[in-house]
Amino acid sequence: MAHDVAIQIPKLSVGSSDFQISIKKNGKKIGELLISRGNIEWWPKGNYRKKKRLTWSEFEFMFEEYGTTVKN
């Protein structure tokens, strides 16, 4: 069950415009990931009022705490 990931990269550097990444599962959009200089946000499909936000420090902690270590 693979996810489809499409990335829309702005013409300007991160800071003045967010990177927007559209995530699909089985061909259906499940949400968007927005990446900016200050944080990372998750917008679930159909929910444009309540997003989830993490600072980069919180994001790093999540990966360190819950991520699986893999060999390259």
PDB file of N, CA and C in Angstrom:
ATOM      1  N   MET A   1       0.849  -1.168   0.000  1.00  0.00           N
ATOM      2  CA  MET A   1       0.000   0.000   0.000  1.00  0.00           C
ATOM      3  C   MET A   1       0.898   1.234   0.000  1.00  0.00           C
ATOM      4  N   ALA A   2       1.358   1.653  -1.170  1.00  0.00           N
ATOM      5  CA  ALA A   2       2.266   2.776  -1.308  1.00  0.00           C
ATOM      6  C   ALA A   2       1.521   4.103  -1.265  1.00  0.00           C
ATOM      7  N   HIS A   3       2.224   5.097  -0.832  1.00  0.00           N
ATOM      8  CA  HIS A   3       1.693   6.452  -0.829  1.00  0.00           C
ATOM      9  C   HIS A   3       2.248   7.193  -2.036  1.00  0.00           C
ATOM     10  N   ASP A   4       1.442   8.054  -2.634  1.00  0.00           N
ATOM     11  CA  ASP A   4       1.899   8.928  -3.706  1.00  0.00           C
ATOM     12  C   ASP A   4       2.259  10.260  -3.079  1.00  0.00           C
ATOM     13  N   VAL A   5       3.440  10.755  -3.394  1.00  0.00           N
ATOM     14  CA  VAL A   5       3.903  12.020  -2.836  1.00  0.00           C
ATOM     15  C   VAL A   5       4.263  12.943  -3.984  1.00  0.00           C
ATOM     16  N   ALA A   6       3.605  14.096  -4.058  1.00  0.00           N
ATOM     17  CA  ALA A   6       3.892  15.100  -5.076  1.00  0.00           C
ATOM     18  C   ALA A   6       4.395  16.357  -4.370  1.00  0.00           C
ATOM     19  N   ILE A   7       5.481  16.913  -4.870  1.00  0.00           N
ATOM     20  CA  ILE A   7       6.078  18.077  -4.220  1.00  0.00           C
ATOM     21  C   ILE A   7       5.948  19.293  -5.126  1.00  0.00           C
ATOM     22  N   GLN A   8       5.455  20.392  -4.543  1.00  0.00           N
ATOM     23  CA  GLN A   8       5.378  21.663  -5.250  1.00  0.00           C
ATOM     24  C   GLN A   8       6.409  22.578  -4.602  1.00  0.00           C
ATOM     25  N   ILE A   9       7.492  22.875  -5.323  1.00  0.00           N
ATOM     26  CA  ILE A   9       8.571  23.684  -4.770  1.00  0.00           C
ATOM     27  C   ILE A   9       8.413  25.118  -5.264  1.00  0.00           C
ATOM     28  N   PRO A  10       8.363  26.078  -4.337  1.00  0.00           N
ATOM     29  CA  PRO A  10       8.203  27.469  -4.757  1.00  0.00           C
ATOM     30  C   PRO A  10       9.453  27.994  -5.454  1.00  0.00           C
ATOM     31  N   LYS A  11       9.289  29.058  -6.198  1.00  0.00           N
ATOM     32  CA  LYS A  11      10.413  29.660  -6.904  1.00  0.00           C
ATOM     33  C   LYS A  11      11.335  30.401  -5.940  1.00  0.00           C
ATOM     34  N   LEU A  12      10.814  30.815  -4.809  1.00  0.00           N
ATOM     35  CA  LEU A  12      11.614  31.515  -3.809  1.00  0.00           C
ATOM     36  C   LEU A  12      12.108  30.539  -2.757  1.00  0.00           C
ATOM     37  N   SER A  13      13.089  30.956  -1.992  1.00  0.00           N
ATOM     38  CA  SER A  13      13.599  30.084  -0.934  1.00  0.00           C
ATOM     39  C   SER A  13      12.574  29.961   0.188  1.00  0.00           C
ATOM     40  N   VAL A  14      12.712  28.907   0.974  1.00  0.00           N
ATOM     41  CA  VAL A  14      11.808  28.707   2.097  1.00  0.00           C
ATOM     42  C   VAL A  14      11.950  29.896   3.029  1.00  0.00           C
ATOM     43  N   GLY A  15      10.853  30.393   3.497  1.00  0.00           N
ATOM     44  CA  GLY A  15      10.833  31.564   4.358  1.00  0.00           C
ATOM     45  C   GLY A  15       9.789  32.531   3.839  1.00  0.00           C
ATOM     46  N   SER A  16       9.871  32.821   2.551  1.00  0.00           N
ATOM     47  CA  SER A  16       8.857  33.685   1.964  1.00  0.00           C
ATOM     48  C   SER A  16       7.711  32.862   1.380  1.00  0.00           C
ATOM     49  N   SER A  17       7.980  31.603   1.081  1.00  0.00           N
ATOM     50  CA  SER A  17       6.955  30.681   0.594  1.00  0.00           C
ATOM     51  C   SER A  17       7.206  29.309   1.203  1.00  0.00           C
ATOM     52  N   ASP A  18       6.133  28.626   1.576  1.00  0.00           N
ATOM     53  CA  ASP A  18       6.258  27.271   2.112  1.00  0.00           C
ATOM     54  C   ASP A  18       6.433  26.268   0.979  1.00  0.00           C
ATOM     55  N   PHE A  19       7.097  25.161   1.290  1.00  0.00           N
ATOM     56  CA  PHE A  19       7.076  24.009   0.403  1.00  0.00           C
ATOM     57  C   PHE A  19       5.772  23.277   0.688  1.00  0.00           C
ATOM     58  N   GLN A  20       5.050  22.887  -0.341  1.00  0.00           N
ATOM     59  CA  GLN A  20       3.811  22.141  -0.175  1.00  0.00           C
ATOM     60  C   GLN A  20       3.983  20.748  -0.755  1.00  0.00           C
ATOM     61  N   ILE A  21       3.692  19.747   0.074  1.00  0.00           N
ATOM     62  CA  ILE A  21       3.801  18.361  -0.367  1.00  0.00           C
ATOM     63  C   ILE A  21       2.430  17.709  -0.223  1.00  0.00           C
ATOM     64  N   SER A  22       1.883  17.249  -1.336  1.00  0.00           N
ATOM     65  CA  SER A  22       0.573  16.597  -1.339  1.00  0.00           C
ATOM     66  C   SER A  22       0.779  15.097  -1.162  1.00  0.00           C
ATOM     67  N   ILE A  23       0.065  14.498  -0.208  1.00  0.00           N
ATOM     68  CA  ILE A  23       0.208  13.076   0.095  1.00  0.00           C
ATOM     69  C   ILE A  23      -1.082  12.354  -0.277  1.00  0.00           C
ATOM     70  N   LYS A  24      -0.935  11.283  -1.062  1.00  0.00           N
ATOM     71  CA  LYS A  24      -2.086  10.474  -1.465  1.00  0.00           C
ATOM     72  C   LYS A  24      -1.852   9.036  -1.065  1.00  0.00           C
ATOM     73  N   LYS A  25      -2.936   8.359  -0.750  1.00  0.00           N
ATOM     74  CA  LYS A  25      -2.900   6.933  -0.432  1.00  0.00           C
ATOM     75  C   LYS A  25      -3.950   6.256  -1.293  1.00  0.00           C
ATOM     76  N   ASN A  26      -3.526   5.252  -2.069  1.00  0.00           N
ATOM     77  CA  ASN A  26      -4.435   4.557  -2.990  1.00  0.00           C
ATOM     78  C   ASN A  26      -5.136   5.537  -3.927  1.00  0.00           C
ATOM     79  N   GLY A  27      -4.399   6.561  -4.373  1.00  0.00           N
ATOM     80  CA  GLY A  27      -4.936   7.529  -5.319  1.00  0.00           C
ATOM     81  C   GLY A  27      -5.811   8.607  -4.722  1.00  0.00           C
ATOM     82  N   LYS A  28      -6.038   8.583  -3.411  1.00  0.00           N
ATOM     83  CA  LYS A  28      -6.894   9.576  -2.754  1.00  0.00           C
ATOM     84  C   LYS A  28      -6.054  10.445  -1.825  1.00  0.00           C
ATOM     85  N   LYS A  29      -6.265  11.737  -1.926  1.00  0.00           N
ATOM     86  CA  LYS A  29      -5.500  12.678  -1.107  1.00  0.00           C
ATOM     87  C   LYS A  29      -5.847  12.487   0.374  1.00  0.00           C
ATOM     88  N   ILE A  30      -4.788  12.385   1.200  1.00  0.00           N
ATOM     89  CA  ILE A  30      -5.015  12.272   2.644  1.00  0.00           C
ATOM     90  C   ILE A  30      -4.590  13.532   3.388  1.00  0.00           C
ATOM     91  N   GLY A  31      -3.852  14.411   2.703  1.00  0.00           N
ATOM     92  CA  GLY A  31      -3.474  15.658   3.340  1.00  0.00           C
ATOM     93  C   GLY A  31      -2.311  16.337   2.647  1.00  0.00           C
ATOM     94  N   GLU A  32      -1.896  17.465   3.232  1.00  0.00           N
ATOM     95  CA  GLU A  32      -0.764  18.213   2.722  1.00  0.00           C
ATOM     96  C   GLU A  32       0.202  18.506   3.848  1.00  0.00           C
ATOM     97  N   LEU A  33       1.475  18.460   3.513  1.00  0.00           N
ATOM     98  CA  LEU A  33       2.533  18.783   4.451  1.00  0.00           C
ATOM     99  C   LEU A  33       3.131  20.107   3.995  1.00  0.00           C
ATOM    100  N   LEU A  34       3.174  21.090   4.889  1.00  0.00           N
ATOM    101  CA  LEU A  34       3.745  22.390   4.563  1.00  0.00           C
ATOM    102  C   LEU A  34       5.029  22.566   5.359  1.00  0.00           C
ATOM    103  N   ILE A  35       6.096  22.920   4.662  1.00  0.00           N
ATOM    104  CA  ILE A  35       7.399  23.066   5.294  1.00  0.00           C
ATOM    105  C   ILE A  35       7.846  24.514   5.150  1.00  0.00           C
ATOM    106  N   SER A  36       8.161  25.135   6.284  1.00  0.00           N
ATOM    107  CA  SER A  36       8.635  26.512   6.269  1.00  0.00           C
ATOM    108  C   SER A  36       9.903  26.627   7.105  1.00  0.00           C
ATOM    109  N   ARG A  37      10.463  27.804   7.178  1.00  0.00           N
ATOM    110  CA  ARG A  37      11.673  28.002   7.975  1.00  0.00           C
ATOM    111  C   ARG A  37      11.411  27.760   9.460  1.00  0.00           C
ATOM    112  N   GLY A  38      10.212  28.085   9.940  1.00  0.00           N
ATOM    113  CA  GLY A  38       9.926  28.017  11.368  1.00  0.00           C
ATOM    114  C   GLY A  38       9.320  26.727  11.867  1.00  0.00           C
ATOM    115  N   ASN A  39       8.619  26.008  11.002  1.00  0.00           N
ATOM    116  CA  ASN A  39       7.930  24.802  11.470  1.00  0.00           C
ATOM    117  C   ASN A  39       7.517  23.924  10.301  1.00  0.00           C
ATOM    118  N   ILE A  40       6.862  22.842  10.664  1.00  0.00           N
ATOM    119  CA  ILE A  40       6.296  21.911   9.695  1.00  0.00           C
ATOM    120  C   ILE A  40       4.834  21.703  10.093  1.00  0.00           C
ATOM    121  N   GLU A  41       3.924  21.711   9.119  1.00  0.00           N
ATOM    122  CA  GLU A  41       2.487  21.618   9.417  1.00  0.00           C
ATOM    123  C   GLU A  41       1.847  20.510   8.599  1.00  0.00           C
ATOM    124  N   TRP A  42       0.860  19.870   9.185  1.00  0.00           N
ATOM    125  CA  TRP A  42       0.068  18.833   8.526  1.00  0.00           C
ATOM    126  C   TRP A  42      -1.366  19.312   8.419  1.00  0.00           C
ATOM    127  N   TRP A  43      -1.875  19.365   7.184  1.00  0.00           N
ATOM    128  CA  TRP A  43      -3.269  19.719   6.910  1.00  0.00           C
ATOM    129  C   TRP A  43      -3.984  18.464   6.430  1.00  0.00           C
ATOM    130  N   PRO A  44      -4.784  17.818   7.298  1.00  0.00           N
ATOM    131  CA  PRO A  44      -5.544  16.641   6.852  1.00  0.00           C
ATOM    132  C   PRO A  44      -6.532  17.026   5.755  1.00  0.00           C
ATOM    133  N   LYS A  45      -6.824  16.090   4.857  1.00  0.00           N
ATOM    134  CA  LYS A  45      -7.779  16.331   3.773  1.00  0.00           C
ATOM    135  C   LYS A  45      -9.116  16.801   4.336  1.00  0.00           C
ATOM    136  N   GLY A  46      -9.650  17.838   3.735  1.00  0.00           N
ATOM    137  CA  GLY A  46     -10.966  18.330   4.108  1.00  0.00           C
ATOM    138  C   GLY A  46     -10.996  19.140   5.399  1.00  0.00           C
ATOM    139  N   ASN A  47      -9.849  19.349   6.029  1.00  0.00           N
ATOM    140  CA  ASN A  47      -9.815  20.100   7.286  1.00  0.00           C
ATOM    141  C   ASN A  47      -8.910  21.309   7.095  1.00  0.00           C
ATOM    142  N   TYR A  48      -9.494  22.440   6.732  1.00  0.00           N
ATOM    143  CA  TYR A  48      -8.705  23.629   6.451  1.00  0.00           C
ATOM    144  C   TYR A  48      -8.733  24.637   7.593  1.00  0.00           C
ATOM    145  N   ARG A  49      -9.305  24.262   8.719  1.00  0.00           N
ATOM    146  CA  ARG A  49      -9.334  25.152   9.866  1.00  0.00           C
ATOM    147  C   ARG A  49      -8.396  24.708  10.968  1.00  0.00           C
ATOM    148  N   LYS A  50      -8.237  23.407  11.110  1.00  0.00           N
ATOM    149  CA  LYS A  50      -7.409  22.882  12.193  1.00  0.00           C
ATOM    150  C   LYS A  50      -6.268  22.064  11.617  1.00  0.00           C
ATOM    151  N   LYS A  51      -5.083  22.621  11.705  1.00  0.00           N
ATOM    152  CA  LYS A  51      -3.895  21.926  11.228  1.00  0.00           C
ATOM    153  C   LYS A  51      -3.058  21.513  12.426  1.00  0.00           C
ATOM    154  N   LYS A  52      -2.129  20.624  12.186  1.00  0.00           N
ATOM    155  CA  LYS A  52      -1.189  20.190  13.211  1.00  0.00           C
ATOM    156  C   LYS A  52       0.150  20.844  12.906  1.00  0.00           C
ATOM    157  N   ARG A  53       0.807  21.392  13.935  1.00  0.00           N
ATOM    158  CA  ARG A  53       2.062  22.102  13.736  1.00  0.00           C
ATOM    159  C   ARG A  53       3.118  21.594  14.706  1.00  0.00           C
ATOM    160  N   LEU A  54       4.341  21.437  14.193  1.00  0.00           N
ATOM    161  CA  LEU A  54       5.498  21.097  15.012  1.00  0.00           C
ATOM    162  C   LEU A  54       6.626  22.068  14.686  1.00  0.00           C
ATOM    163  N   THR A  55       7.352  22.496  15.717  1.00  0.00           N
ATOM    164  CA  THR A  55       8.581  23.244  15.457  1.00  0.00           C
ATOM    165  C   THR A  55       9.613  22.247  14.965  1.00  0.00           C
ATOM    166  N   TRP A  56      10.704  22.736  14.434  1.00  0.00           N
ATOM    167  CA  TRP A  56      11.743  21.828  13.963  1.00  0.00           C
ATOM    168  C   TRP A  56      12.368  21.064  15.122  1.00  0.00           C
ATOM    169  N   SER A  57      12.436  21.663  16.297  1.00  0.00           N
ATOM    170  CA  SER A  57      12.949  20.956  17.482  1.00  0.00           C
ATOM    171  C   SER A  57      12.018  19.811  17.874  1.00  0.00           C
ATOM    172  N   GLU A  58      10.700  20.051  17.837  1.00  0.00           N
ATOM    173  CA  GLU A  58       9.723  18.999  18.143  1.00  0.00           C
ATOM    174  C   GLU A  58       9.769  17.889  17.097  1.00  0.00           C
ATOM    175  N   PHE A  59       9.928  18.265  15.829  1.00  0.00           N
ATOM    176  CA  PHE A  59      10.020  17.308  14.735  1.00  0.00           C
ATOM    177  C   PHE A  59      11.254  16.417  14.919  1.00  0.00           C
ATOM    178  N   GLU A  60      12.385  17.030  15.258  1.00  0.00           N
ATOM    179  CA  GLU A  60      13.613  16.274  15.504  1.00  0.00           C
ATOM    180  C   GLU A  60      13.422  15.292  16.662  1.00  0.00           C
ATOM    181  N   PHE A  61      12.788  15.757  17.744  1.00  0.00           N
ATOM    182  CA  PHE A  61      12.535  14.896  18.898  1.00  0.00           C
ATOM    183  C   PHE A  61      11.688  13.694  18.498  1.00  0.00           C
ATOM    184  N   MET A  62      10.651  13.923  17.701  1.00  0.00           N
ATOM    185  CA  MET A  62       9.787  12.817  17.271  1.00  0.00           C
ATOM    186  C   MET A  62      10.584  11.749  16.534  1.00  0.00           C
ATOM    187  N   PHE A  63      11.457  12.163  15.633  1.00  0.00           N
ATOM    188  CA  PHE A  63      12.250  11.182  14.898  1.00  0.00           C
ATOM    189  C   PHE A  63      13.244  10.469  15.796  1.00  0.00           C
ATOM    190  N   GLU A  64      13.869  11.200  16.690  1.00  0.00           N
ATOM    191  CA  GLU A  64      14.824  10.576  17.602  1.00  0.00           C
ATOM    192  C   GLU A  64      14.130   9.594  18.544  1.00  0.00           C
ATOM    193  N   GLU A  65      12.956   9.959  19.005  1.00  0.00           N
ATOM    194  CA  GLU A  65      12.231   9.147  19.984  1.00  0.00           C
ATOM    195  C   GLU A  65      11.478   7.975  19.354  1.00  0.00           C
ATOM    196  N   TYR A  66      10.834   8.207  18.201  1.00  0.00           N
ATOM    197  CA  TYR A  66       9.933   7.218  17.630  1.00  0.00           C
ATOM    198  C   TYR A  66      10.390   6.650  16.292  1.00  0.00           C
ATOM    199  N   GLY A  67      11.396   7.251  15.664  1.00  0.00           N
ATOM    200  CA  GLY A  67      11.862   6.788  14.370  1.00  0.00           C
ATOM    201  C   GLY A  67      12.599   5.463  14.461  1.00  0.00           C
ATOM    202  N   THR A  68      12.579   4.725  13.384  1.00  0.00           N
ATOM    203  CA  THR A  68      13.278   3.457  13.295  1.00  0.00           C
ATOM    204  C   THR A  68      14.624   3.682  12.626  1.00  0.00           C
ATOM    205  N   THR A  69      15.694   3.190  13.248  1.00  0.00           N
ATOM    206  CA  THR A  69      17.018   3.325  12.674  1.00  0.00           C
ATOM    207  C   THR A  69      17.197   2.301  11.559  1.00  0.00           C
ATOM    208  N   VAL A  70      17.666   2.777  10.404  1.00  0.00           N
ATOM    209  CA  VAL A  70      17.896   1.914   9.243  1.00  0.00           C
ATOM    210  C   VAL A  70      19.293   2.181   8.687  1.00  0.00           C
ATOM    211  N   LYS A  71      19.872   1.169   8.058  1.00  0.00           N
ATOM    212  CA  LYS A  71      21.173   1.332   7.417  1.00  0.00           C
ATOM    213  C   LYS A  71      20.989   1.909   6.031  1.00  0.00           C
ATOM    214  N   ASN A  72      21.945   2.721   5.613  1.00  0.00           N
ATOM    215  CA  ASN A  72      21.911   3.248   4.244  1.00  0.00           C
ATOM    216  C   ASN A  72      22.446   2.237   3.288  1.00  0.00           C
TER     217      ASN A  72
END
